[in-house]
């Protein structure tokens, strides 16, 4: 069973991202503050849920959360800054959009850059949690929002570029996706600093 909070009697926001390993599309992130007594038997890491469960839970999260927000970084930003920086920047942007300011941040993973709103004298305390989306409800909720909102974006982009199958592979490096890159080339939504095709020569910066 997932935990309600990390630190008692503190307003906590859970953060997670979606789309970090994709070849195309933005990386999305979400921040969610849940009530301390929130409970849902189905809520879990978004990767462990069906699409139907994710969208059903999104409605519950948006209705019952104290605050929630979703943000993104574009493929151009990813190419400029790298995917790690953009994953964390998208989380910072989601935190910026919360209507309630948290006193503590829970982040899925093991990397974080301090989140320091300009109105505060110090960064908001944060803890990184490996497999946090399978540990804390707020992170699991953030993973669901990030995943479903990103899926919505990729399904919309798939209508413009149907040959890449983004409505099914969501921009991940599926065989059909890479076959389409070989045949049609990359789009403006592809991450050009990523290895789009396995046979591409890797370039390393020393």
N, C-alpha and C. Protein backbone atom coordinates (compact mmCIF):
# COMPACT_ATOMS: atom_id res chain seq x y z
N UNK A 1 0.84 -1.20 0.00
CA UNK A 1 0.00 0.00 0.00
C UNK A 1 0.88 1.26 0.00
N UNK A 2 0.54 2.22 -0.82
CA UNK A 2 1.32 3.45 -0.91
C UNK A 2 1.14 4.31 0.34
N UNK A 3 2.19 5.08 0.65
CA UNK A 3 2.16 5.94 1.83
C UNK A 3 1.50 7.28 1.50
N UNK A 4 0.81 7.83 2.49
CA UNK A 4 0.14 9.11 2.29
C UNK A 4 1.11 10.28 2.28
N UNK A 5 2.16 10.18 3.06
CA UNK A 5 3.10 11.30 3.16
C UNK A 5 4.45 10.81 3.65
N UNK A 6 5.43 11.66 3.47
CA UNK A 6 6.80 11.39 3.94
C UNK A 6 7.04 12.04 5.29
N UNK A 7 6.61 13.28 5.42
CA UNK A 7 6.79 14.05 6.65
C UNK A 7 5.42 14.47 7.18
N UNK A 8 5.07 14.08 8.40
CA UNK A 8 3.74 14.41 8.92
C UNK A 8 3.56 15.90 9.16
N UNK A 9 2.31 16.34 9.01
CA UNK A 9 1.91 17.72 9.32
C UNK A 9 2.63 18.76 8.48
N UNK A 10 2.98 18.37 7.25
CA UNK A 10 3.65 19.29 6.32
C UNK A 10 2.95 19.18 4.97
N UNK A 11 2.77 20.30 4.29
CA UNK A 11 2.17 20.28 2.95
C UNK A 11 3.21 19.77 1.97
N UNK A 12 2.97 18.58 1.41
CA UNK A 12 3.93 17.97 0.51
C UNK A 12 3.40 17.91 -0.91
N UNK A 13 4.28 18.16 -1.85
CA UNK A 13 3.95 18.00 -3.27
C UNK A 13 4.77 16.86 -3.83
N UNK A 14 4.11 15.93 -4.49
CA UNK A 14 4.80 14.87 -5.20
C UNK A 14 5.04 15.28 -6.64
N UNK A 15 6.23 14.96 -7.18
CA UNK A 15 6.58 15.33 -8.55
C UNK A 15 7.05 14.11 -9.33
N UNK A 16 6.68 14.05 -10.59
CA UNK A 16 7.17 13.01 -11.48
C UNK A 16 7.08 13.50 -12.90
N UNK A 17 7.81 12.80 -13.80
CA UNK A 17 7.83 13.18 -15.20
C UNK A 17 7.39 12.01 -16.07
N UNK A 18 7.11 12.30 -17.33
CA UNK A 18 6.76 11.27 -18.30
C UNK A 18 7.38 11.64 -19.64
N UNK A 19 7.94 10.63 -20.32
CA UNK A 19 8.48 10.86 -21.65
C UNK A 19 9.97 11.09 -21.70
N UNK A 20 10.65 10.76 -20.64
CA UNK A 20 12.10 11.03 -20.62
C UNK A 20 12.84 10.21 -21.67
N UNK A 21 12.43 8.98 -21.91
CA UNK A 21 13.14 8.12 -22.84
C UNK A 21 12.62 8.13 -24.26
N UNK A 22 11.77 9.08 -24.59
CA UNK A 22 11.17 9.13 -25.92
C UNK A 22 12.11 9.74 -26.95
N UNK A 23 11.87 9.40 -28.20
CA UNK A 23 12.62 10.00 -29.31
C UNK A 23 11.96 11.27 -29.82
N UNK A 24 10.68 11.42 -29.52
CA UNK A 24 9.92 12.57 -30.04
C UNK A 24 8.96 13.07 -28.97
N UNK A 25 8.60 14.35 -29.12
CA UNK A 25 7.64 14.96 -28.22
C UNK A 25 8.27 15.58 -26.99
N UNK A 26 7.51 16.39 -26.28
CA UNK A 26 8.01 17.03 -25.07
C UNK A 26 8.11 16.05 -23.91
N UNK A 27 8.84 16.45 -22.89
CA UNK A 27 8.79 15.75 -21.62
C UNK A 27 7.80 16.51 -20.74
N UNK A 28 6.90 15.78 -20.11
CA UNK A 28 5.88 16.37 -19.25
C UNK A 28 6.21 16.07 -17.80
N UNK A 29 5.76 16.93 -16.92
CA UNK A 29 5.91 16.70 -15.49
C UNK A 29 4.66 17.20 -14.78
N UNK A 30 4.42 16.65 -13.60
CA UNK A 30 3.28 17.08 -12.80
C UNK A 30 3.71 17.23 -11.35
N UNK A 31 3.00 18.09 -10.64
CA UNK A 31 3.16 18.25 -9.20
C UNK A 31 1.78 18.14 -8.58
N UNK A 32 1.67 17.36 -7.52
CA UNK A 32 0.36 17.11 -6.90
C UNK A 32 0.48 17.20 -5.39
N UNK A 33 -0.43 17.94 -4.78
CA UNK A 33 -0.58 17.97 -3.33
C UNK A 33 -1.90 17.28 -3.00
N UNK A 34 -1.83 16.17 -2.29
CA UNK A 34 -3.03 15.43 -1.91
C UNK A 34 -3.39 15.72 -0.45
N UNK A 35 -4.67 15.58 -0.10
CA UNK A 35 -5.03 15.69 1.32
C UNK A 35 -4.29 14.61 2.13
N UNK A 36 -3.93 14.88 3.37
CA UNK A 36 -3.18 13.89 4.16
C UNK A 36 -3.93 12.58 4.39
N UNK A 37 -5.26 12.62 4.30
CA UNK A 37 -6.06 11.41 4.51
C UNK A 37 -6.54 10.80 3.20
N UNK A 38 -5.97 11.23 2.07
CA UNK A 38 -6.40 10.70 0.77
C UNK A 38 -6.13 9.20 0.70
N UNK A 39 -7.07 8.47 0.09
CA UNK A 39 -6.90 7.03 -0.06
C UNK A 39 -7.55 6.57 -1.35
N UNK A 40 -6.88 5.70 -2.05
CA UNK A 40 -7.44 5.07 -3.25
C UNK A 40 -6.73 3.74 -3.45
N UNK A 41 -7.49 2.66 -3.51
CA UNK A 41 -6.91 1.32 -3.60
C UNK A 41 -6.25 1.04 -4.94
N UNK A 42 -6.63 1.78 -5.99
CA UNK A 42 -6.11 1.53 -7.33
C UNK A 42 -4.86 2.34 -7.61
N UNK A 43 -4.73 3.49 -6.96
CA UNK A 43 -3.62 4.40 -7.23
C UNK A 43 -2.27 3.71 -7.10
N UNK A 44 -1.45 3.86 -8.14
CA UNK A 44 -0.13 3.22 -8.17
C UNK A 44 0.71 3.92 -9.23
N UNK A 45 1.95 3.51 -9.35
CA UNK A 45 2.82 3.95 -10.43
C UNK A 45 2.05 3.81 -11.75
N UNK A 46 2.06 4.86 -12.56
CA UNK A 46 1.26 4.86 -13.79
C UNK A 46 1.62 3.71 -14.72
N UNK A 47 2.88 3.25 -14.66
CA UNK A 47 3.31 2.16 -15.54
C UNK A 47 2.66 0.83 -15.16
N UNK A 48 2.14 0.75 -13.95
CA UNK A 48 1.51 -0.49 -13.48
C UNK A 48 0.00 -0.50 -13.74
N UNK A 49 -0.52 0.55 -14.35
CA UNK A 49 -1.96 0.69 -14.55
C UNK A 49 -2.33 0.59 -16.02
N UNK A 50 -3.57 0.24 -16.29
CA UNK A 50 -4.06 0.27 -17.66
C UNK A 50 -4.38 1.70 -18.06
N UNK A 51 -4.53 1.92 -19.34
CA UNK A 51 -4.89 3.27 -19.80
C UNK A 51 -6.21 3.71 -19.19
N UNK A 52 -7.18 2.81 -19.15
CA UNK A 52 -8.49 3.14 -18.57
C UNK A 52 -8.33 3.54 -17.10
N UNK A 53 -7.53 2.80 -16.35
CA UNK A 53 -7.33 3.13 -14.94
C UNK A 53 -6.66 4.49 -14.78
N UNK A 54 -5.68 4.78 -15.63
CA UNK A 54 -4.99 6.07 -15.52
C UNK A 54 -5.94 7.24 -15.73
N UNK A 55 -6.77 7.16 -16.76
CA UNK A 55 -7.68 8.28 -17.04
C UNK A 55 -8.78 8.39 -15.99
N UNK A 56 -9.22 7.26 -15.45
CA UNK A 56 -10.21 7.31 -14.37
C UNK A 56 -9.61 7.94 -13.12
N UNK A 57 -8.37 7.57 -12.82
CA UNK A 57 -7.70 8.15 -11.67
C UNK A 57 -7.39 9.63 -11.87
N UNK A 58 -7.11 10.03 -13.10
CA UNK A 58 -6.86 11.45 -13.35
C UNK A 58 -8.05 12.30 -12.91
N UNK A 59 -9.25 11.85 -13.21
CA UNK A 59 -10.44 12.59 -12.80
C UNK A 59 -10.53 12.69 -11.28
N UNK A 60 -10.23 11.59 -10.60
CA UNK A 60 -10.28 11.59 -9.14
C UNK A 60 -9.22 12.51 -8.56
N UNK A 61 -8.01 12.42 -9.08
CA UNK A 61 -6.91 13.26 -8.58
C UNK A 61 -7.23 14.74 -8.77
N UNK A 62 -7.68 15.09 -9.95
CA UNK A 62 -7.97 16.51 -10.22
C UNK A 62 -9.13 17.02 -9.36
N UNK A 63 -10.05 16.14 -9.03
CA UNK A 63 -11.19 16.55 -8.21
C UNK A 63 -10.84 16.65 -6.73
N UNK A 64 -9.99 15.74 -6.24
CA UNK A 64 -9.78 15.64 -4.80
C UNK A 64 -8.45 16.22 -4.31
N UNK A 65 -7.54 16.51 -5.21
CA UNK A 65 -6.24 17.07 -4.79
C UNK A 65 -6.41 18.46 -4.18
N UNK A 66 -5.56 18.77 -3.24
CA UNK A 66 -5.50 20.14 -2.71
C UNK A 66 -5.06 21.08 -3.82
N UNK A 67 -4.09 20.63 -4.62
CA UNK A 67 -3.61 21.41 -5.77
C UNK A 67 -2.89 20.45 -6.71
N UNK A 68 -2.93 20.77 -8.00
CA UNK A 68 -2.20 19.98 -8.99
C UNK A 68 -1.85 20.87 -10.18
N UNK A 69 -0.80 20.50 -10.88
CA UNK A 69 -0.40 21.25 -12.07
C UNK A 69 0.45 20.36 -12.96
N UNK A 70 0.42 20.68 -14.26
CA UNK A 70 1.19 19.95 -15.26
C UNK A 70 1.97 20.97 -16.08
N UNK A 71 3.20 20.60 -16.47
CA UNK A 71 4.04 21.48 -17.29
C UNK A 71 4.90 20.62 -18.21
N UNK A 72 5.64 21.27 -19.08
CA UNK A 72 6.42 20.52 -20.07
C UNK A 72 7.67 21.28 -20.47
N UNK A 73 8.58 20.56 -21.13
CA UNK A 73 9.71 21.14 -21.84
C UNK A 73 9.67 20.61 -23.26
N UNK A 74 9.91 21.46 -24.23
CA UNK A 74 9.79 21.11 -25.64
C UNK A 74 11.00 20.31 -26.12
N UNK A 75 10.87 19.64 -27.27
CA UNK A 75 12.04 18.97 -27.85
C UNK A 75 13.20 19.92 -28.10
N UNK A 76 12.93 21.16 -28.50
CA UNK A 76 14.01 22.13 -28.72
C UNK A 76 14.74 22.43 -27.42
N UNK A 77 14.00 22.55 -26.32
CA UNK A 77 14.64 22.78 -25.03
C UNK A 77 15.45 21.57 -24.60
N UNK A 78 14.93 20.38 -24.87
CA UNK A 78 15.65 19.15 -24.54
C UNK A 78 16.97 19.10 -25.31
N UNK A 79 16.92 19.43 -26.60
CA UNK A 79 18.14 19.43 -27.40
C UNK A 79 19.14 20.47 -26.92
N UNK A 80 18.65 21.56 -26.40
CA UNK A 80 19.54 22.64 -25.94
C UNK A 80 20.14 22.34 -24.57
N UNK A 81 19.34 21.78 -23.67
CA UNK A 81 19.76 21.67 -22.26
C UNK A 81 20.07 20.24 -21.81
N UNK A 82 19.56 19.24 -22.45
CA UNK A 82 19.62 17.81 -22.15
C UNK A 82 18.37 17.37 -21.39
N UNK A 83 18.10 16.08 -21.46
CA UNK A 83 16.83 15.57 -20.96
C UNK A 83 16.74 15.60 -19.43
N UNK A 84 17.85 15.39 -18.73
CA UNK A 84 17.79 15.44 -17.27
C UNK A 84 17.40 16.83 -16.80
N UNK A 85 18.09 17.84 -17.32
CA UNK A 85 17.78 19.21 -16.91
C UNK A 85 16.34 19.57 -17.24
N UNK A 86 15.88 19.13 -18.41
CA UNK A 86 14.52 19.47 -18.81
C UNK A 86 13.48 18.72 -18.00
N UNK A 87 13.77 17.49 -17.61
CA UNK A 87 12.84 16.75 -16.76
C UNK A 87 12.63 17.48 -15.44
N UNK A 88 13.72 17.96 -14.86
CA UNK A 88 13.62 18.68 -13.59
C UNK A 88 13.03 20.07 -13.80
N UNK A 89 13.38 20.73 -14.90
CA UNK A 89 12.81 22.04 -15.19
C UNK A 89 11.30 21.94 -15.36
N UNK A 90 10.83 20.89 -16.03
CA UNK A 90 9.38 20.71 -16.18
C UNK A 90 8.71 20.53 -14.82
N UNK A 91 9.38 19.83 -13.89
CA UNK A 91 8.83 19.69 -12.54
C UNK A 91 8.80 21.05 -11.84
N UNK A 92 9.87 21.84 -11.99
CA UNK A 92 9.89 23.18 -11.41
C UNK A 92 8.73 24.01 -11.97
N UNK A 93 8.50 23.91 -13.27
CA UNK A 93 7.40 24.68 -13.87
C UNK A 93 6.05 24.24 -13.34
N UNK A 94 5.90 22.93 -13.11
CA UNK A 94 4.65 22.44 -12.53
C UNK A 94 4.49 22.99 -11.10
N UNK A 95 5.56 22.97 -10.34
CA UNK A 95 5.50 23.53 -8.98
C UNK A 95 5.14 25.01 -9.02
N UNK A 96 5.67 25.74 -9.99
CA UNK A 96 5.34 27.17 -10.14
C UNK A 96 3.84 27.40 -10.31
N UNK A 97 3.16 26.43 -10.91
CA UNK A 97 1.75 26.60 -11.25
C UNK A 97 0.80 26.16 -10.13
N UNK A 98 1.33 25.55 -9.09
CA UNK A 98 0.46 25.14 -7.99
C UNK A 98 -0.17 26.35 -7.31
N UNK A 99 -1.45 26.24 -6.99
CA UNK A 99 -2.13 27.35 -6.31
C UNK A 99 -1.87 27.33 -4.81
N UNK A 100 -1.30 26.24 -4.33
CA UNK A 100 -0.89 26.13 -2.92
C UNK A 100 0.61 25.82 -2.91
N UNK A 101 1.36 26.56 -2.13
CA UNK A 101 2.80 26.33 -2.08
C UNK A 101 3.14 25.22 -1.09
N UNK A 102 3.87 24.21 -1.53
CA UNK A 102 4.26 23.14 -0.60
C UNK A 102 5.40 23.57 0.31
N UNK A 103 5.51 22.89 1.45
CA UNK A 103 6.63 23.11 2.35
C UNK A 103 7.68 22.02 2.19
N UNK A 104 7.35 20.99 1.41
CA UNK A 104 8.26 19.88 1.19
C UNK A 104 7.93 19.26 -0.16
N UNK A 105 8.96 18.78 -0.87
CA UNK A 105 8.76 18.21 -2.21
C UNK A 105 9.30 16.78 -2.22
N UNK A 106 8.51 15.89 -2.79
CA UNK A 106 8.92 14.51 -3.00
C UNK A 106 9.11 14.30 -4.49
N UNK A 107 10.27 13.81 -4.89
CA UNK A 107 10.61 13.68 -6.30
C UNK A 107 10.89 12.22 -6.63
N UNK A 108 10.28 11.73 -7.69
CA UNK A 108 10.59 10.38 -8.14
C UNK A 108 11.98 10.36 -8.78
N UNK A 109 12.81 9.41 -8.36
CA UNK A 109 14.14 9.30 -8.94
C UNK A 109 15.23 9.63 -7.95
N UNK A 110 16.41 9.94 -8.48
CA UNK A 110 17.55 10.22 -7.60
C UNK A 110 18.30 11.51 -7.95
N UNK A 111 17.70 12.33 -8.80
CA UNK A 111 18.35 13.59 -9.19
C UNK A 111 17.39 14.75 -9.00
N UNK A 112 17.93 15.89 -8.58
CA UNK A 112 17.08 17.06 -8.34
C UNK A 112 17.95 18.30 -8.30
N UNK A 113 17.40 19.41 -8.81
CA UNK A 113 18.01 20.72 -8.64
C UNK A 113 17.12 21.50 -7.68
N UNK A 114 17.71 22.20 -6.72
CA UNK A 114 16.89 22.90 -5.73
C UNK A 114 15.84 23.80 -6.38
N UNK A 115 14.64 23.73 -5.83
CA UNK A 115 13.54 24.58 -6.30
C UNK A 115 13.45 25.77 -5.36
N UNK A 116 13.71 26.93 -5.90
CA UNK A 116 13.85 28.14 -5.09
C UNK A 116 12.96 29.24 -5.65
N UNK A 117 11.69 29.30 -5.25
CA UNK A 117 10.84 30.42 -5.69
C UNK A 117 11.44 31.75 -5.27
N UNK A 118 11.29 32.74 -6.12
CA UNK A 118 11.93 34.03 -5.88
C UNK A 118 11.43 34.70 -4.61
N UNK A 119 10.24 34.33 -4.15
CA UNK A 119 9.69 34.97 -2.95
C UNK A 119 10.20 34.36 -1.66
N UNK A 120 10.98 33.27 -1.76
CA UNK A 120 11.51 32.62 -0.57
C UNK A 120 13.01 32.85 -0.46
N UNK A 121 13.49 32.84 0.76
CA UNK A 121 14.91 33.09 1.01
C UNK A 121 15.77 31.84 0.82
N UNK A 122 15.12 30.68 0.75
CA UNK A 122 15.86 29.43 0.61
C UNK A 122 15.04 28.45 -0.23
N UNK A 123 15.69 27.45 -0.82
CA UNK A 123 14.94 26.45 -1.58
C UNK A 123 13.97 25.68 -0.68
N UNK A 124 12.91 25.18 -1.28
CA UNK A 124 11.98 24.34 -0.54
C UNK A 124 12.63 22.97 -0.34
N UNK A 125 12.64 22.45 0.88
CA UNK A 125 13.26 21.13 1.13
C UNK A 125 12.65 20.06 0.24
N UNK A 126 13.50 19.15 -0.23
CA UNK A 126 13.05 18.10 -1.14
C UNK A 126 13.77 16.80 -0.83
N UNK A 127 13.09 15.70 -1.11
CA UNK A 127 13.68 14.37 -1.02
C UNK A 127 13.48 13.65 -2.33
N UNK A 128 14.55 13.04 -2.85
CA UNK A 128 14.43 12.19 -4.03
C UNK A 128 14.19 10.76 -3.56
N UNK A 129 13.25 10.10 -4.22
CA UNK A 129 12.84 8.75 -3.81
C UNK A 129 12.91 7.83 -5.03
N UNK A 130 13.85 6.91 -5.03
CA UNK A 130 13.90 5.91 -6.10
C UNK A 130 12.64 5.05 -6.02
N UNK A 131 11.99 4.87 -7.15
CA UNK A 131 10.70 4.18 -7.22
C UNK A 131 9.65 4.86 -6.33
N UNK A 132 9.76 6.17 -6.27
CA UNK A 132 8.82 6.94 -5.45
C UNK A 132 7.39 6.84 -5.92
N UNK A 133 7.21 6.62 -7.24
CA UNK A 133 5.85 6.51 -7.77
C UNK A 133 5.17 5.22 -7.34
N UNK A 134 5.93 4.29 -6.78
CA UNK A 134 5.36 3.07 -6.22
C UNK A 134 5.44 3.08 -4.70
N UNK A 135 5.76 4.26 -4.14
CA UNK A 135 5.93 4.37 -2.69
C UNK A 135 4.98 5.39 -2.07
N UNK A 136 4.86 6.56 -2.71
CA UNK A 136 4.06 7.65 -2.16
C UNK A 136 2.90 8.01 -3.09
N UNK A 137 1.75 8.24 -2.48
CA UNK A 137 0.55 8.54 -3.26
C UNK A 137 0.70 9.80 -4.08
N UNK A 138 1.33 10.82 -3.52
CA UNK A 138 1.42 12.09 -4.26
C UNK A 138 2.30 11.94 -5.50
N UNK A 139 3.37 11.15 -5.40
CA UNK A 139 4.23 10.93 -6.57
C UNK A 139 3.50 10.08 -7.59
N UNK A 140 2.79 9.04 -7.13
CA UNK A 140 2.00 8.21 -8.04
C UNK A 140 0.96 9.05 -8.77
N UNK A 141 0.32 9.95 -8.05
CA UNK A 141 -0.67 10.82 -8.67
C UNK A 141 -0.02 11.72 -9.72
N UNK A 142 1.17 12.24 -9.40
CA UNK A 142 1.88 13.07 -10.37
C UNK A 142 2.27 12.26 -11.61
N UNK A 143 2.66 11.00 -11.40
CA UNK A 143 3.03 10.17 -12.55
C UNK A 143 1.85 9.94 -13.47
N UNK A 144 0.66 9.82 -12.89
CA UNK A 144 -0.54 9.60 -13.71
C UNK A 144 -0.89 10.85 -14.50
N UNK A 145 -0.83 12.01 -13.87
CA UNK A 145 -1.14 13.25 -14.60
C UNK A 145 -0.12 13.50 -15.70
N UNK A 146 1.16 13.34 -15.38
CA UNK A 146 2.20 13.57 -16.39
C UNK A 146 2.02 12.62 -17.57
N UNK A 147 1.76 11.36 -17.28
CA UNK A 147 1.62 10.36 -18.33
C UNK A 147 0.39 10.63 -19.20
N UNK A 148 -0.76 10.88 -18.59
CA UNK A 148 -1.99 11.03 -19.39
C UNK A 148 -1.99 12.32 -20.19
N UNK A 149 -1.46 13.40 -19.62
CA UNK A 149 -1.42 14.65 -20.38
C UNK A 149 -0.41 14.55 -21.52
N UNK A 150 0.69 13.85 -21.30
CA UNK A 150 1.63 13.67 -22.40
C UNK A 150 1.03 12.77 -23.48
N UNK A 151 0.34 11.71 -23.07
CA UNK A 151 -0.31 10.84 -24.05
C UNK A 151 -1.31 11.63 -24.89
N UNK A 152 -2.05 12.51 -24.24
CA UNK A 152 -3.00 13.35 -24.99
C UNK A 152 -2.27 14.17 -26.05
N UNK A 153 -1.12 14.75 -25.69
CA UNK A 153 -0.36 15.56 -26.64
C UNK A 153 0.13 14.71 -27.81
N UNK A 154 0.66 13.51 -27.51
CA UNK A 154 1.20 12.67 -28.57
C UNK A 154 0.09 12.16 -29.50
N UNK A 155 -1.09 11.90 -28.95
CA UNK A 155 -2.21 11.48 -29.79
C UNK A 155 -2.64 12.63 -30.72
N UNK A 156 -2.56 13.85 -30.22
CA UNK A 156 -2.89 15.00 -31.06
C UNK A 156 -1.85 15.18 -32.16
N UNK A 157 -0.56 15.02 -31.80
CA UNK A 157 0.49 15.15 -32.80
C UNK A 157 0.43 14.03 -33.83
N UNK A 158 -0.07 12.87 -33.42
CA UNK A 158 -0.18 11.73 -34.34
C UNK A 158 -1.15 12.02 -35.49
N UNK A 159 -2.10 12.91 -35.25
CA UNK A 159 -3.03 13.28 -36.33
C UNK A 159 -2.31 14.09 -37.41
N UNK A 160 -1.27 14.82 -37.02
CA UNK A 160 -0.47 15.59 -37.99
C UNK A 160 0.58 14.73 -38.67
N UNK A 161 1.08 13.74 -37.93
CA UNK A 161 2.15 12.87 -38.43
C UNK A 161 1.76 11.40 -38.21
N UNK A 162 0.75 10.93 -38.92
CA UNK A 162 0.22 9.57 -38.64
C UNK A 162 1.20 8.44 -38.92
N UNK A 163 2.18 8.68 -39.80
CA UNK A 163 3.08 7.60 -40.19
C UNK A 163 3.99 7.12 -39.06
N UNK A 164 4.14 7.91 -37.99
CA UNK A 164 5.06 7.55 -36.92
C UNK A 164 4.40 6.72 -35.81
N UNK A 165 3.11 6.60 -35.83
CA UNK A 165 2.41 5.77 -34.85
C UNK A 165 2.45 6.30 -33.44
N UNK A 166 2.52 7.62 -33.28
CA UNK A 166 2.63 8.20 -31.94
C UNK A 166 1.39 7.98 -31.08
N UNK A 167 0.26 7.70 -31.71
CA UNK A 167 -0.94 7.41 -30.93
C UNK A 167 -0.83 6.06 -30.22
N UNK A 168 0.13 5.24 -30.64
CA UNK A 168 0.34 3.94 -30.01
C UNK A 168 1.67 3.89 -29.25
N UNK A 169 2.76 4.38 -29.85
CA UNK A 169 4.06 4.28 -29.18
C UNK A 169 4.42 5.52 -28.36
N UNK A 170 3.63 6.57 -28.47
CA UNK A 170 3.79 7.80 -27.69
C UNK A 170 5.18 8.44 -27.85
N UNK A 171 5.85 8.12 -28.96
CA UNK A 171 7.15 8.71 -29.21
C UNK A 171 8.31 7.89 -28.69
N UNK A 172 8.03 6.76 -28.05
CA UNK A 172 9.11 5.89 -27.58
C UNK A 172 9.76 5.16 -28.76
N UNK A 173 10.94 4.60 -28.56
CA UNK A 173 11.68 3.99 -29.69
C UNK A 173 11.18 2.60 -30.08
N UNK A 174 9.91 2.51 -30.42
CA UNK A 174 9.35 1.26 -30.92
C UNK A 174 9.86 1.01 -32.34
N UNK A 175 9.83 -0.23 -32.76
CA UNK A 175 10.31 -0.59 -34.09
C UNK A 175 9.58 0.19 -35.18
N UNK A 176 8.25 0.27 -35.08
CA UNK A 176 7.48 0.98 -36.11
C UNK A 176 7.86 2.45 -36.16
N UNK A 177 8.15 3.02 -35.01
CA UNK A 177 8.56 4.43 -34.95
C UNK A 177 9.90 4.62 -35.67
N UNK A 178 10.86 3.76 -35.37
CA UNK A 178 12.17 3.90 -35.99
C UNK A 178 12.12 3.56 -37.48
N UNK A 179 11.28 2.62 -37.86
CA UNK A 179 11.11 2.32 -39.29
C UNK A 179 10.59 3.55 -40.03
N UNK A 180 9.66 4.28 -39.40
CA UNK A 180 9.12 5.49 -40.02
C UNK A 180 10.17 6.58 -40.13
N UNK A 181 11.06 6.68 -39.12
CA UNK A 181 12.14 7.67 -39.20
C UNK A 181 13.06 7.34 -40.38
N UNK A 182 13.35 6.06 -40.57
CA UNK A 182 14.18 5.66 -41.70
C UNK A 182 13.52 6.05 -43.03
N UNK A 183 12.21 5.86 -43.11
CA UNK A 183 11.51 6.09 -44.37
C UNK A 183 11.21 7.56 -44.62
N UNK A 184 10.79 8.27 -43.59
CA UNK A 184 10.31 9.64 -43.77
C UNK A 184 11.24 10.71 -43.18
N UNK A 185 12.21 10.27 -42.37
CA UNK A 185 13.08 11.23 -41.72
C UNK A 185 12.45 11.78 -40.45
N UNK A 186 13.20 12.59 -39.69
CA UNK A 186 12.67 13.16 -38.46
C UNK A 186 11.73 14.33 -38.72
N UNK A 187 10.92 14.64 -37.72
CA UNK A 187 9.99 15.76 -37.76
C UNK A 187 10.51 16.88 -36.85
N UNK A 188 9.84 18.03 -36.86
CA UNK A 188 10.23 19.08 -35.90
C UNK A 188 10.01 18.68 -34.45
N UNK A 189 9.29 17.58 -34.21
CA UNK A 189 9.02 17.14 -32.84
C UNK A 189 9.99 16.09 -32.36
N UNK A 190 10.94 15.67 -33.20
CA UNK A 190 11.94 14.70 -32.78
C UNK A 190 13.07 15.40 -32.00
N UNK A 191 13.67 14.65 -31.10
CA UNK A 191 14.79 15.15 -30.30
C UNK A 191 16.07 14.82 -31.05
N UNK A 192 16.64 15.82 -31.66
CA UNK A 192 17.75 15.58 -32.58
C UNK A 192 19.05 15.21 -31.87
N UNK A 193 19.15 15.47 -30.59
CA UNK A 193 20.34 15.05 -29.85
C UNK A 193 20.23 13.62 -29.36
N UNK A 194 19.08 12.98 -29.59
CA UNK A 194 18.91 11.58 -29.24
C UNK A 194 19.37 10.69 -30.40
N UNK A 195 19.69 9.47 -30.09
CA UNK A 195 20.08 8.51 -31.13
C UNK A 195 18.79 7.95 -31.74
N UNK A 196 18.32 8.61 -32.79
CA UNK A 196 17.02 8.26 -33.36
C UNK A 196 17.01 6.86 -33.98
N UNK A 197 18.14 6.46 -34.55
CA UNK A 197 18.25 5.14 -35.16
C UNK A 197 19.44 4.40 -34.56
N UNK A 198 19.30 3.10 -34.31
CA UNK A 198 20.41 2.34 -33.68
C UNK A 198 21.69 2.37 -34.49
N UNK A 199 21.56 2.48 -35.81
CA UNK A 199 22.75 2.43 -36.65
C UNK A 199 23.47 3.77 -36.75
N UNK A 200 22.89 4.83 -36.16
CA UNK A 200 23.54 6.12 -36.22
C UNK A 200 24.86 6.09 -35.44
N UNK A 201 25.86 6.79 -35.97
CA UNK A 201 27.14 6.90 -35.29
C UNK A 201 26.98 7.78 -34.06
N UNK A 202 27.38 7.29 -32.91
CA UNK A 202 27.31 8.08 -31.68
C UNK A 202 28.39 9.16 -31.73
N UNK A 203 28.02 10.37 -31.32
CA UNK A 203 28.99 11.46 -31.19
C UNK A 203 29.18 11.78 -29.73
N UNK A 204 30.40 11.81 -29.28
CA UNK A 204 30.69 12.04 -27.88
C UNK A 204 31.44 13.34 -27.73
N UNK A 205 31.07 14.11 -26.71
CA UNK A 205 31.78 15.34 -26.40
C UNK A 205 32.80 15.06 -25.29
N UNK A 206 34.05 15.43 -25.57
CA UNK A 206 35.10 15.20 -24.58
C UNK A 206 35.59 16.56 -24.06
